[in-house]
Amino acid sequence: MKEAVSEWEEPVNGTVSMATTDTLRLDDTT
């Protein structure tokens, strides 16, 4: 079970990082 959780954390963090980057880009454009 722990291994499954670790695998899930990686993609979730990656998605959050991408969302944050998009937000920063929008801020720069503004």
PDB file of N, CA and C in Angstrom:
ATOM      1  N   MET A   1       0.842  -1.211   0.000  1.00  0.00           N
ATOM      2  CA  MET A   1       0.000   0.000   0.000  1.00  0.00           C
ATOM      3  C   MET A   1       0.875   1.259   0.000  1.00  0.00           C
ATOM      4  N   LYS A   2       1.918   1.262   0.806  1.00  0.00           N
ATOM      5  CA  LYS A   2       2.795   2.442   0.872  1.00  0.00           C
ATOM      6  C   LYS A   2       3.368   2.774  -0.502  1.00  0.00           C
ATOM      7  N   GLU A   3       3.769   1.732  -1.241  1.00  0.00           N
ATOM      8  CA  GLU A   3       4.343   1.967  -2.571  1.00  0.00           C
ATOM      9  C   GLU A   3       3.320   2.668  -3.469  1.00  0.00           C
ATOM     10  N   ALA A   4       2.066   2.213  -3.401  1.00  0.00           N
ATOM     11  CA  ALA A   4       1.010   2.810  -4.231  1.00  0.00           C
ATOM     12  C   ALA A   4       0.857   4.288  -3.874  1.00  0.00           C
ATOM     13  N   VAL A   5       0.920   4.607  -2.600  1.00  0.00           N
ATOM     14  CA  VAL A   5       0.775   6.007  -2.164  1.00  0.00           C
ATOM     15  C   VAL A   5       1.919   6.841  -2.727  1.00  0.00           C
ATOM     16  N   SER A   6       3.137   6.317  -2.673  1.00  0.00           N
ATOM     17  CA  SER A   6       4.299   7.056  -3.183  1.00  0.00           C
ATOM     18  C   SER A   6       4.123   7.334  -4.668  1.00  0.00           C
ATOM     19  N   GLU A   7       3.661   6.323  -5.417  1.00  0.00           N
ATOM     20  CA  GLU A   7       3.472   6.508  -6.859  1.00  0.00           C
ATOM     21  C   GLU A   7       2.422   7.580  -7.118  1.00  0.00           C
ATOM     22  N   TRP A   8       1.424   7.657  -6.249  1.00  0.00           N
ATOM     23  CA  TRP A   8       0.358   8.655  -6.434  1.00  0.00           C
ATOM     24  C   TRP A   8       0.865  10.054  -6.122  1.00  0.00           C
ATOM     25  N   GLU A   9       1.709  10.163  -5.102  1.00  0.00           N
ATOM     26  CA  GLU A   9       2.219  11.483  -4.707  1.00  0.00           C
ATOM     27  C   GLU A   9       2.997  12.139  -5.844  1.00  0.00           C
ATOM     28  N   GLU A  10       3.771  11.362  -6.581  1.00  0.00           N
ATOM     29  CA  GLU A  10       4.590  11.935  -7.658  1.00  0.00           C
ATOM     30  C   GLU A  10       3.732  12.625  -8.724  1.00  0.00           C
ATOM     31  N   PRO A  11       2.763  11.938  -9.336  1.00  0.00           N
ATOM     32  CA  PRO A  11       1.935  12.569 -10.378  1.00  0.00           C
ATOM     33  C   PRO A  11       1.132  13.748  -9.819  1.00  0.00           C
ATOM     34  N   VAL A  12       0.662  13.622  -8.588  1.00  0.00           N
ATOM     35  CA  VAL A  12      -0.128  14.705  -7.985  1.00  0.00           C
ATOM     36  C   VAL A  12       0.746  15.942  -7.844  1.00  0.00           C
ATOM     37  N   ASN A  13       1.961  15.773  -7.326  1.00  0.00           N
ATOM     38  CA  ASN A  13       2.858  16.925  -7.161  1.00  0.00           C
ATOM     39  C   ASN A  13       3.172  17.545  -8.515  1.00  0.00           C
ATOM     40  N   GLY A  14       3.374  16.692  -9.523  1.00  0.00           N
ATOM     41  CA  GLY A  14       3.688  17.202 -10.854  1.00  0.00           C
ATOM     42  C   GLY A  14       2.541  18.041 -11.392  1.00  0.00           C
ATOM     43  N   THR A  15       1.315  17.580 -11.162  1.00  0.00           N
ATOM     44  CA  THR A  15       0.150  18.333 -11.643  1.00  0.00           C
ATOM     45  C   THR A  15       0.081  19.679 -10.936  1.00  0.00           C
ATOM     46  N   VAL A  16       0.326  19.669  -9.630  1.00  0.00           N
ATOM     47  CA  VAL A  16       0.263  20.916  -8.859  1.00  0.00           C
ATOM     48  C   VAL A  16       1.334  21.874  -9.352  1.00  0.00           C
ATOM     49  N   SER A  17       2.530  21.358  -9.627  1.00  0.00           N
ATOM     50  CA  SER A  17       3.616  22.221 -10.088  1.00  0.00           C
ATOM     51  C   SER A  17       3.240  22.872 -11.419  1.00  0.00           C
ATOM     52  N   MET A  18       2.664  22.086 -12.330  1.00  0.00           N
ATOM     53  CA  MET A  18       2.272  22.619 -13.643  1.00  0.00           C
ATOM     54  C   MET A  18       1.206  23.696 -13.468  1.00  0.00           C
ATOM     55  N   ALA A  19       0.235  23.449 -12.584  1.00  0.00           N
ATOM     56  CA  ALA A  19      -0.841  24.424 -12.356  1.00  0.00           C
ATOM     57  C   ALA A  19      -0.241  25.709 -11.799  1.00  0.00           C
ATOM     58  N   THR A  20       0.709  25.579 -10.890  1.00  0.00           N
ATOM     59  CA  THR A  20       1.336  26.768 -10.293  1.00  0.00           C
ATOM     60  C   THR A  20       2.098  27.536 -11.363  1.00  0.00           C
ATOM     61  N   THR A  21       2.794  26.813 -12.241  1.00  0.00           N
ATOM     62  CA  THR A  21       3.561  27.474 -13.304  1.00  0.00           C
ATOM     63  C   THR A  21       2.618  28.248 -14.221  1.00  0.00           C
ATOM     64  N   ASP A  22       1.494  27.642 -14.570  1.00  0.00           N
ATOM     65  CA  ASP A  22       0.513  28.323 -15.441  1.00  0.00           C
ATOM     66  C   ASP A  22       0.030  29.598 -14.763  1.00  0.00           C
ATOM     67  N   THR A  23      -0.224  29.523 -13.463  1.00  0.00           N
ATOM     68  CA  THR A  23      -0.712  30.701 -12.727  1.00  0.00           C
ATOM     69  C   THR A  23       0.340  31.793 -12.753  1.00  0.00           C
ATOM     70  N   LEU A  24       1.595  31.418 -12.553  1.00  0.00           N
ATOM     71  CA  LEU A  24       2.668  32.417 -12.546  1.00  0.00           C
ATOM     72  C   LEU A  24       2.770  33.068 -13.919  1.00  0.00           C
ATOM     73  N   ARG A  25       2.634  32.272 -14.964  1.00  0.00           N
ATOM     74  CA  ARG A  25       2.721  32.814 -16.329  1.00  0.00           C
ATOM     75  C   ARG A  25       1.593  33.818 -16.555  1.00  0.00           C
ATOM     76  N   LEU A  26       0.401  33.484 -16.073  1.00  0.00           N
ATOM     77  CA  LEU A  26      -0.740  34.392 -16.242  1.00  0.00           C
ATOM     78  C   LEU A  26      -0.447  35.692 -15.506  1.00  0.00           C
ATOM     79  N   ASP A  27       0.138  35.597 -14.321  1.00  0.00           N
ATOM     80  CA  ASP A  27       0.468  36.796 -13.542  1.00  0.00           C
ATOM     81  C   ASP A  27       1.473  37.651 -14.321  1.00  0.00           C
ATOM     82  N   ASP A  28       2.457  36.997 -14.924  1.00  0.00           N
ATOM     83  CA  ASP A  28       3.477  37.742 -15.679  1.00  0.00           C
ATOM     84  C   ASP A  28       2.830  38.467 -16.861  1.00  0.00           C
ATOM     85  N   THR A  29       1.891  37.780 -17.513  1.00  0.00           N
ATOM     86  CA  THR A  29       1.220  38.384 -18.667  1.00  0.00           C
ATOM     87  C   THR A  29       0.438  39.612 -18.216  1.00  0.00           C
ATOM     88  N   THR A  30      -0.169  39.506 -17.047  1.00  0.00           N
ATOM     89  CA  THR A  30      -0.970  40.621 -16.531  1.00  0.00           C
ATOM     90  C   THR A  30      -0.020  41.720 -16.070  1.00  0.00           C
TER      91      THR A  30
END
